[in-house]
Amino acid sequence: MFKKTVLFVFALLFFVNAAFAAVNINKADKAALEALPGIGASKAAAIIEYRTKNGNFKTKEGLLEVKGIGPKILESIQKDIEI
């Protein structure tokens, strides 16, 4: 019984941590990018297209170079993304 409880707690902590993990904008696929607030299919595709043509983002602010991403969107996803 104790082993099952410990296993459950570890599994729960793993999933909670995964739920709050930041999205790496240099590696994320379209679905992961679309999960960000304010980023739909077209903006996710634009992010992927931009990084394919120009290389990885060096800063989070580099997203401002992507068509359709402005300061308000960047501010809303700032805490949810990483490089």
PDB file of N, CA and C in Angstrom:
ATOM      1  N   MET A   1       0.828  -1.199   0.000  1.00  0.00           N
ATOM      2  CA  MET A   1       0.000   0.000   0.000  1.00  0.00           C
ATOM      3  C   MET A   1       0.868   1.258   0.000  1.00  0.00           C
ATOM      4  N   PHE A   2       1.918   1.240   0.815  1.00  0.00           N
ATOM      5  CA  PHE A   2       2.799   2.392   0.899  1.00  0.00           C
ATOM      6  C   PHE A   2       3.478   2.652  -0.451  1.00  0.00           C
ATOM      7  N   LYS A   3       3.914   1.600  -1.123  1.00  0.00           N
ATOM      8  CA  LYS A   3       4.574   1.749  -2.418  1.00  0.00           C
ATOM      9  C   LYS A   3       3.635   2.366  -3.440  1.00  0.00           C
ATOM     10  N   LYS A   4       2.377   1.963  -3.421  1.00  0.00           N
ATOM     11  CA  LYS A   4       1.398   2.514  -4.361  1.00  0.00           C
ATOM     12  C   LYS A   4       1.172   3.992  -4.089  1.00  0.00           C
ATOM     13  N   THR A   5       1.132   4.366  -2.831  1.00  0.00           N
ATOM     14  CA  THR A   5       0.929   5.764  -2.463  1.00  0.00           C
ATOM     15  C   THR A   5       2.114   6.611  -2.909  1.00  0.00           C
ATOM     16  N   VAL A   6       3.311   6.116  -2.653  1.00  0.00           N
ATOM     17  CA  VAL A   6       4.511   6.847  -3.057  1.00  0.00           C
ATOM     18  C   VAL A   6       4.563   6.968  -4.578  1.00  0.00           C
ATOM     19  N   LEU A   7       4.261   5.913  -5.281  1.00  0.00           N
ATOM     20  CA  LEU A   7       4.250   5.930  -6.738  1.00  0.00           C
ATOM     21  C   LEU A   7       3.222   6.940  -7.255  1.00  0.00           C
ATOM     22  N   PHE A   8       2.064   6.956  -6.645  1.00  0.00           N
ATOM     23  CA  PHE A   8       1.018   7.899  -7.031  1.00  0.00           C
ATOM     24  C   PHE A   8       1.484   9.340  -6.836  1.00  0.00           C
ATOM     25  N   VAL A   9       2.123   9.625  -5.699  1.00  0.00           N
ATOM     26  CA  VAL A   9       2.593  10.979  -5.405  1.00  0.00           C
ATOM     27  C   VAL A   9       3.649  11.405  -6.429  1.00  0.00           C
ATOM     28  N   PHE A  10       4.588  10.527  -6.741  1.00  0.00           N
ATOM     29  CA  PHE A  10       5.608  10.856  -7.737  1.00  0.00           C
ATOM     30  C   PHE A  10       4.987  11.086  -9.112  1.00  0.00           C
ATOM     31  N   ALA A  11       4.043  10.264  -9.485  1.00  0.00           N
ATOM     32  CA  ALA A  11       3.374  10.433 -10.778  1.00  0.00           C
ATOM     33  C   ALA A  11       2.622  11.757 -10.820  1.00  0.00           C
ATOM     34  N   LEU A  12       1.945  12.076  -9.741  1.00  0.00           N
ATOM     35  CA  LEU A  12       1.203  13.334  -9.658  1.00  0.00           C
ATOM     36  C   LEU A  12       2.141  14.531  -9.778  1.00  0.00           C
ATOM     37  N   LEU A  13       3.263  14.485  -9.073  1.00  0.00           N
ATOM     38  CA  LEU A  13       4.228  15.579  -9.147  1.00  0.00           C
ATOM     39  C   LEU A  13       4.807  15.719 -10.552  1.00  0.00           C
ATOM     40  N   PHE A  14       5.049  14.596 -11.224  1.00  0.00           N
ATOM     41  CA  PHE A  14       5.567  14.638 -12.582  1.00  0.00           C
ATOM     42  C   PHE A  14       4.580  15.338 -13.509  1.00  0.00           C
ATOM     43  N   PHE A  15       3.311  14.970 -13.437  1.00  0.00           N
ATOM     44  CA  PHE A  15       2.318  15.560 -14.329  1.00  0.00           C
ATOM     45  C   PHE A  15       2.045  17.020 -14.006  1.00  0.00           C
ATOM     46  N   VAL A  16       2.085  17.387 -12.744  1.00  0.00           N
ATOM     47  CA  VAL A  16       1.909  18.786 -12.369  1.00  0.00           C
ATOM     48  C   VAL A  16       3.068  19.605 -12.915  1.00  0.00           C
ATOM     49  N   ASN A  17       4.280  19.090 -12.784  1.00  0.00           N
ATOM     50  CA  ASN A  17       5.453  19.788 -13.302  1.00  0.00           C
ATOM     51  C   ASN A  17       5.368  19.922 -14.825  1.00  0.00           C
ATOM     52  N   ALA A  18       4.960  18.879 -15.500  1.00  0.00           N
ATOM     53  CA  ALA A  18       4.842  18.916 -16.960  1.00  0.00           C
ATOM     54  C   ALA A  18       3.788  19.927 -17.400  1.00  0.00           C
ATOM     55  N   ALA A  19       2.732  20.062 -16.631  1.00  0.00           N
ATOM     56  CA  ALA A  19       1.661  20.999 -16.984  1.00  0.00           C
ATOM     57  C   ALA A  19       2.126  22.442 -16.910  1.00  0.00           C
ATOM     58  N   PHE A  20       3.111  22.714 -16.052  1.00  0.00           N
ATOM     59  CA  PHE A  20       3.591  24.078 -15.879  1.00  0.00           C
ATOM     60  C   PHE A  20       4.923  24.328 -16.570  1.00  0.00           C
ATOM     61  N   ALA A  21       5.398  23.374 -17.330  1.00  0.00           N
ATOM     62  CA  ALA A  21       6.660  23.539 -18.035  1.00  0.00           C
ATOM     63  C   ALA A  21       6.505  24.585 -19.134  1.00  0.00           C
ATOM     64  N   ALA A  22       7.531  25.390 -19.279  1.00  0.00           N
ATOM     65  CA  ALA A  22       7.506  26.421 -20.303  1.00  0.00           C
ATOM     66  C   ALA A  22       7.713  25.793 -21.682  1.00  0.00           C
ATOM     67  N   VAL A  23       7.151  26.424 -22.683  1.00  0.00           N
ATOM     68  CA  VAL A  23       7.272  25.969 -24.063  1.00  0.00           C
ATOM     69  C   VAL A  23       8.545  26.581 -24.644  1.00  0.00           C
ATOM     70  N   ASN A  24       9.432  25.738 -25.145  1.00  0.00           N
ATOM     71  CA  ASN A  24      10.654  26.220 -25.786  1.00  0.00           C
ATOM     72  C   ASN A  24      10.303  26.626 -27.212  1.00  0.00           C
ATOM     73  N   ILE A  25      10.372  27.910 -27.481  1.00  0.00           N
ATOM     74  CA  ILE A  25       9.932  28.411 -28.785  1.00  0.00           C
ATOM     75  C   ILE A  25      10.868  28.008 -29.918  1.00  0.00           C
ATOM     76  N   ASN A  26      12.046  27.509 -29.595  1.00  0.00           N
ATOM     77  CA  ASN A  26      12.966  27.040 -30.632  1.00  0.00           C
ATOM     78  C   ASN A  26      12.768  25.572 -30.979  1.00  0.00           C
ATOM     79  N   LYS A  27      12.045  24.845 -30.147  1.00  0.00           N
ATOM     80  CA  LYS A  27      11.873  23.410 -30.354  1.00  0.00           C
ATOM     81  C   LYS A  27      10.418  22.966 -30.457  1.00  0.00           C
ATOM     82  N   ALA A  28       9.513  23.794 -30.009  1.00  0.00           N
ATOM     83  CA  ALA A  28       8.104  23.400 -29.924  1.00  0.00           C
ATOM     84  C   ALA A  28       7.498  23.136 -31.288  1.00  0.00           C
ATOM     85  N   ASP A  29       6.634  22.121 -31.335  1.00  0.00           N
ATOM     86  CA  ASP A  29       5.898  21.856 -32.565  1.00  0.00           C
ATOM     87  C   ASP A  29       4.667  22.763 -32.606  1.00  0.00           C
ATOM     88  N   LYS A  30       3.928  22.658 -33.688  1.00  0.00           N
ATOM     89  CA  LYS A  30       2.778  23.537 -33.900  1.00  0.00           C
ATOM     90  C   LYS A  30       1.746  23.400 -32.785  1.00  0.00           C
ATOM     91  N   ALA A  31       1.474  22.172 -32.350  1.00  0.00           N
ATOM     92  CA  ALA A  31       0.466  21.947 -31.303  1.00  0.00           C
ATOM     93  C   ALA A  31       0.880  22.600 -29.988  1.00  0.00           C
ATOM     94  N   ALA A  32       2.151  22.498 -29.634  1.00  0.00           N
ATOM     95  CA  ALA A  32       2.621  23.106 -28.380  1.00  0.00           C
ATOM     96  C   ALA A  32       2.527  24.625 -28.452  1.00  0.00           C
ATOM     97  N   LEU A  33       2.863  25.189 -29.593  1.00  0.00           N
ATOM     98  CA  LEU A  33       2.767  26.641 -29.746  1.00  0.00           C
ATOM     99  C   LEU A  33       1.318  27.104 -29.701  1.00  0.00           C
ATOM    100  N   GLU A  34       0.420  26.332 -30.319  1.00  0.00           N
ATOM    101  CA  GLU A  34      -1.000  26.694 -30.315  1.00  0.00           C
ATOM    102  C   GLU A  34      -1.600  26.664 -28.914  1.00  0.00           C
ATOM    103  N   ALA A  35      -0.978  25.936 -28.007  1.00  0.00           N
ATOM    104  CA  ALA A  35      -1.481  25.867 -26.629  1.00  0.00           C
ATOM    105  C   ALA A  35      -1.213  27.158 -25.855  1.00  0.00           C
ATOM    106  N   LEU A  36      -0.354  28.001 -26.390  1.00  0.00           N
ATOM    107  CA  LEU A  36      -0.057  29.274 -25.733  1.00  0.00           C
ATOM    108  C   LEU A  36      -1.220  30.242 -25.942  1.00  0.00           C
ATOM    109  N   PRO A  37      -1.512  31.066 -24.938  1.00  0.00           N
ATOM    110  CA  PRO A  37      -2.630  32.017 -25.085  1.00  0.00           C
ATOM    111  C   PRO A  37      -2.371  33.019 -26.201  1.00  0.00           C
ATOM    112  N   GLY A  38      -3.350  33.171 -27.078  1.00  0.00           N
ATOM    113  CA  GLY A  38      -3.254  34.129 -28.165  1.00  0.00           C
ATOM    114  C   GLY A  38      -2.526  33.621 -29.395  1.00  0.00           C
ATOM    115  N   ILE A  39      -2.051  32.379 -29.349  1.00  0.00           N
ATOM    116  CA  ILE A  39      -1.345  31.799 -30.492  1.00  0.00           C
ATOM    117  C   ILE A  39      -2.234  30.720 -31.105  1.00  0.00           C
ATOM    118  N   GLY A  40      -2.749  31.019 -32.268  1.00  0.00           N
ATOM    119  CA  GLY A  40      -3.575  30.045 -32.988  1.00  0.00           C
ATOM    120  C   GLY A  40      -2.740  29.344 -34.048  1.00  0.00           C
ATOM    121  N   ALA A  41      -3.422  28.664 -34.943  1.00  0.00           N
ATOM    122  CA  ALA A  41      -2.746  27.879 -35.981  1.00  0.00           C
ATOM    123  C   ALA A  41      -1.864  28.750 -36.880  1.00  0.00           C
ATOM    124  N   SER A  42      -2.370  29.906 -37.289  1.00  0.00           N
ATOM    125  CA  SER A  42      -1.593  30.730 -38.224  1.00  0.00           C
ATOM    126  C   SER A  42      -0.369  31.348 -37.557  1.00  0.00           C
ATOM    127  N   LYS A  43      -0.497  31.782 -36.313  1.00  0.00           N
ATOM    128  CA  LYS A  43       0.654  32.358 -35.617  1.00  0.00           C
ATOM    129  C   LYS A  43       1.682  31.283 -35.287  1.00  0.00           C
ATOM    130  N   ALA A  44       1.211  30.095 -34.913  1.00  0.00           N
ATOM    131  CA  ALA A  44       2.133  28.987 -34.646  1.00  0.00           C
ATOM    132  C   ALA A  44       2.917  28.640 -35.916  1.00  0.00           C
ATOM    133  N   ALA A  45       2.219  28.595 -37.037  1.00  0.00           N
ATOM    134  CA  ALA A  45       2.883  28.311 -38.310  1.00  0.00           C
ATOM    135  C   ALA A  45       3.886  29.415 -38.650  1.00  0.00           C
ATOM    136  N   ALA A  46       3.532  30.657 -38.359  1.00  0.00           N
ATOM    137  CA  ALA A  46       4.431  31.782 -38.643  1.00  0.00           C
ATOM    138  C   ALA A  46       5.692  31.707 -37.781  1.00  0.00           C
ATOM    139  N   ILE A  47       5.543  31.296 -36.535  1.00  0.00           N
ATOM    140  CA  ILE A  47       6.702  31.135 -35.646  1.00  0.00           C
ATOM    141  C   ILE A  47       7.629  30.063 -36.201  1.00  0.00           C
ATOM    142  N   ILE A  48       7.068  28.933 -36.586  1.00  0.00           N
ATOM    143  CA  ILE A  48       7.877  27.840 -37.127  1.00  0.00           C
ATOM    144  C   ILE A  48       8.549  28.258 -38.432  1.00  0.00           C
ATOM    145  N   GLU A  49       7.811  28.928 -39.290  1.00  0.00           N
ATOM    146  CA  GLU A  49       8.373  29.400 -40.563  1.00  0.00           C
ATOM    147  C   GLU A  49       9.517  30.383 -40.316  1.00  0.00           C
ATOM    148  N   TYR A  50       9.312  31.312 -39.378  1.00  0.00           N
ATOM    149  CA  TYR A  50      10.342  32.308 -39.080  1.00  0.00           C
ATOM    150  C   TYR A  50      11.619  31.639 -38.584  1.00  0.00           C
ATOM    151  N   ARG A  51      11.493  30.724 -37.635  1.00  0.00           N
ATOM    152  CA  ARG A  51      12.709  30.091 -37.085  1.00  0.00           C
ATOM    153  C   ARG A  51      13.372  29.164 -38.097  1.00  0.00           C
ATOM    154  N   THR A  52      12.603  28.604 -39.026  1.00  0.00           N
ATOM    155  CA  THR A  52      13.182  27.770 -40.081  1.00  0.00           C
ATOM    156  C   THR A  52      14.023  28.621 -41.023  1.00  0.00           C
ATOM    157  N   LYS A  53      13.518  29.795 -41.364  1.00  0.00           N
ATOM    158  CA  LYS A  53      14.225  30.692 -42.286  1.00  0.00           C
ATOM    159  C   LYS A  53      15.373  31.451 -41.626  1.00  0.00           C
ATOM    160  N   ASN A  54      15.212  31.802 -40.343  1.00  0.00           N
ATOM    161  CA  ASN A  54      16.157  32.701 -39.684  1.00  0.00           C
ATOM    162  C   ASN A  54      16.977  32.066 -38.568  1.00  0.00           C
ATOM    163  N   GLY A  55      16.726  30.831 -38.260  1.00  0.00           N
ATOM    164  CA  GLY A  55      17.437  30.191 -37.150  1.00  0.00           C
ATOM    165  C   GLY A  55      16.694  30.390 -35.836  1.00  0.00           C
ATOM    166  N   ASN A  56      17.256  29.821 -34.804  1.00  0.00           N
ATOM    167  CA  ASN A  56      16.623  29.880 -33.478  1.00  0.00           C
ATOM    168  C   ASN A  56      16.531  31.303 -32.954  1.00  0.00           C
ATOM    169  N   PHE A  57      15.522  31.513 -32.138  1.00  0.00           N
ATOM    170  CA  PHE A  57      15.367  32.789 -31.450  1.00  0.00           C
ATOM    171  C   PHE A  57      16.456  32.892 -30.389  1.00  0.00           C
ATOM    172  N   LYS A  58      17.052  34.059 -30.272  1.00  0.00           N
ATOM    173  CA  LYS A  58      18.082  34.278 -29.254  1.00  0.00           C
ATOM    174  C   LYS A  58      17.494  34.831 -27.962  1.00  0.00           C
ATOM    175  N   THR A  59      16.358  35.514 -28.099  1.00  0.00           N
ATOM    176  CA  THR A  59      15.651  36.070 -26.945  1.00  0.00           C
ATOM    177  C   THR A  59      14.156  35.860 -27.145  1.00  0.00           C
ATOM    178  N   LYS A  60      13.420  35.977 -26.079  1.00  0.00           N
ATOM    179  CA  LYS A  60      11.960  35.899 -26.182  1.00  0.00           C
ATOM    180  C   LYS A  60      11.435  37.056 -27.039  1.00  0.00           C
ATOM    181  N   GLU A  61      12.072  38.200 -26.928  1.00  0.00           N
ATOM    182  CA  GLU A  61      11.649  39.379 -27.674  1.00  0.00           C
ATOM    183  C   GLU A  61      11.806  39.193 -29.181  1.00  0.00           C
ATOM    184  N   GLY A  62      12.590  38.208 -29.588  1.00  0.00           N
ATOM    185  CA  GLY A  62      12.732  37.907 -31.005  1.00  0.00           C
ATOM    186  C   GLY A  62      11.412  37.536 -31.651  1.00  0.00           C
ATOM    187  N   LEU A  63      10.461  37.080 -30.849  1.00  0.00           N
ATOM    188  CA  LEU A  63       9.134  36.764 -31.387  1.00  0.00           C
ATOM    189  C   LEU A  63       8.448  37.975 -31.996  1.00  0.00           C
ATOM    190  N   LEU A  64       8.853  39.158 -31.579  1.00  0.00           N
ATOM    191  CA  LEU A  64       8.250  40.372 -32.130  1.00  0.00           C
ATOM    192  C   LEU A  64       8.551  40.531 -33.621  1.00  0.00           C
ATOM    193  N   GLU A  65       9.529  39.814 -34.127  1.00  0.00           N
ATOM    194  CA  GLU A  65       9.863  39.842 -35.548  1.00  0.00           C
ATOM    195  C   GLU A  65       8.900  38.986 -36.378  1.00  0.00           C
ATOM    196  N   VAL A  66       8.130  38.152 -35.712  1.00  0.00           N
ATOM    197  CA  VAL A  66       7.195  37.258 -36.399  1.00  0.00           C
ATOM    198  C   VAL A  66       5.907  38.018 -36.703  1.00  0.00           C
ATOM    199  N   LYS A  67       5.467  37.918 -37.949  1.00  0.00           N
ATOM    200  CA  LYS A  67       4.233  38.591 -38.348  1.00  0.00           C
ATOM    201  C   LYS A  67       3.069  38.094 -37.486  1.00  0.00           C
ATOM    202  N   GLY A  68       2.344  39.039 -36.908  1.00  0.00           N
ATOM    203  CA  GLY A  68       1.189  38.708 -36.080  1.00  0.00           C
ATOM    204  C   GLY A  68       1.476  38.657 -34.591  1.00  0.00           C
ATOM    205  N   ILE A  69       2.747  38.724 -34.224  1.00  0.00           N
ATOM    206  CA  ILE A  69       3.108  38.716 -32.797  1.00  0.00           C
ATOM    207  C   ILE A  69       3.509  40.135 -32.418  1.00  0.00           C
ATOM    208  N   GLY A  70       2.722  40.713 -31.535  1.00  0.00           N
ATOM    209  CA  GLY A  70       3.005  42.062 -31.069  1.00  0.00           C
ATOM    210  C   GLY A  70       3.311  42.063 -29.580  1.00  0.00           C
ATOM    211  N   PRO A  71       3.556  43.250 -29.045  1.00  0.00           N
ATOM    212  CA  PRO A  71       3.907  43.367 -27.625  1.00  0.00           C
ATOM    213  C   PRO A  71       2.869  42.775 -26.672  1.00  0.00           C
ATOM    214  N   LYS A  72       1.584  42.916 -26.998  1.00  0.00           N
ATOM    215  CA  LYS A  72       0.541  42.388 -26.106  1.00  0.00           C
ATOM    216  C   LYS A  72       0.591  40.864 -26.046  1.00  0.00           C
ATOM    217  N   ILE A  73       0.753  40.230 -27.190  1.00  0.00           N
ATOM    218  CA  ILE A  73       0.829  38.761 -27.204  1.00  0.00           C
ATOM    219  C   ILE A  73       2.091  38.311 -26.494  1.00  0.00           C
ATOM    220  N   LEU A  74       3.209  38.961 -26.784  1.00  0.00           N
ATOM    221  CA  LEU A  74       4.456  38.582 -26.119  1.00  0.00           C
ATOM    222  C   LEU A  74       4.318  38.701 -24.612  1.00  0.00           C
ATOM    223  N   GLU A  75       3.715  39.777 -24.161  1.00  0.00           N
ATOM    224  CA  GLU A  75       3.521  39.966 -22.717  1.00  0.00           C
ATOM    225  C   GLU A  75       2.646  38.856 -22.128  1.00  0.00           C
ATOM    226  N   SER A  76       1.626  38.443 -22.859  1.00  0.00           N
ATOM    227  CA  SER A  76       0.712  37.429 -22.325  1.00  0.00           C
ATOM    228  C   SER A  76       1.332  36.037 -22.273  1.00  0.00           C
ATOM    229  N   ILE A  77       2.352  35.775 -23.114  1.00  0.00           N
ATOM    230  CA  ILE A  77       2.963  34.435 -23.115  1.00  0.00           C
ATOM    231  C   ILE A  77       4.358  34.422 -22.481  1.00  0.00           C
ATOM    232  N   GLN A  78       4.844  35.573 -22.084  1.00  0.00           N
ATOM    233  CA  GLN A  78       6.206  35.720 -21.541  1.00  0.00           C
ATOM    234  C   GLN A  78       6.550  34.659 -20.481  1.00  0.00           C
ATOM    235  N   LYS A  79       5.633  34.414 -19.571  1.00  0.00           N
ATOM    236  CA  LYS A  79       5.914  33.471 -18.477  1.00  0.00           C
ATOM    237  C   LYS A  79       5.764  32.008 -18.917  1.00  0.00           C
ATOM    238  N   ASP A  80       5.175  31.803 -20.083  1.00  0.00           N
ATOM    239  CA  ASP A  80       4.913  30.438 -20.558  1.00  0.00           C
ATOM    240  C   ASP A  80       5.938  29.939 -21.568  1.00  0.00           C
ATOM    241  N   ILE A  81       6.893  30.794 -21.932  1.00  0.00           N
ATOM    242  CA  ILE A  81       7.864  30.399 -22.964  1.00  0.00           C
ATOM    243  C   ILE A  81       9.287  30.463 -22.426  1.00  0.00           C
ATOM    244  N   GLU A  82      10.168  29.744 -23.123  1.00  0.00           N
ATOM    245  CA  GLU A  82      11.593  29.797 -22.813  1.00  0.00           C
ATOM    246  C   GLU A  82      12.361  29.639 -24.109  1.00  0.00           C
ATOM    247  N   ILE A  83      13.643  29.953 -24.040  1.00  0.00           N
ATOM    248  CA  ILE A  83      14.541  29.823 -25.189  1.00  0.00           C
ATOM    249  C   ILE A  83      15.299  28.518 -25.037  1.00  0.00           C
TER     250      ILE A  83
END
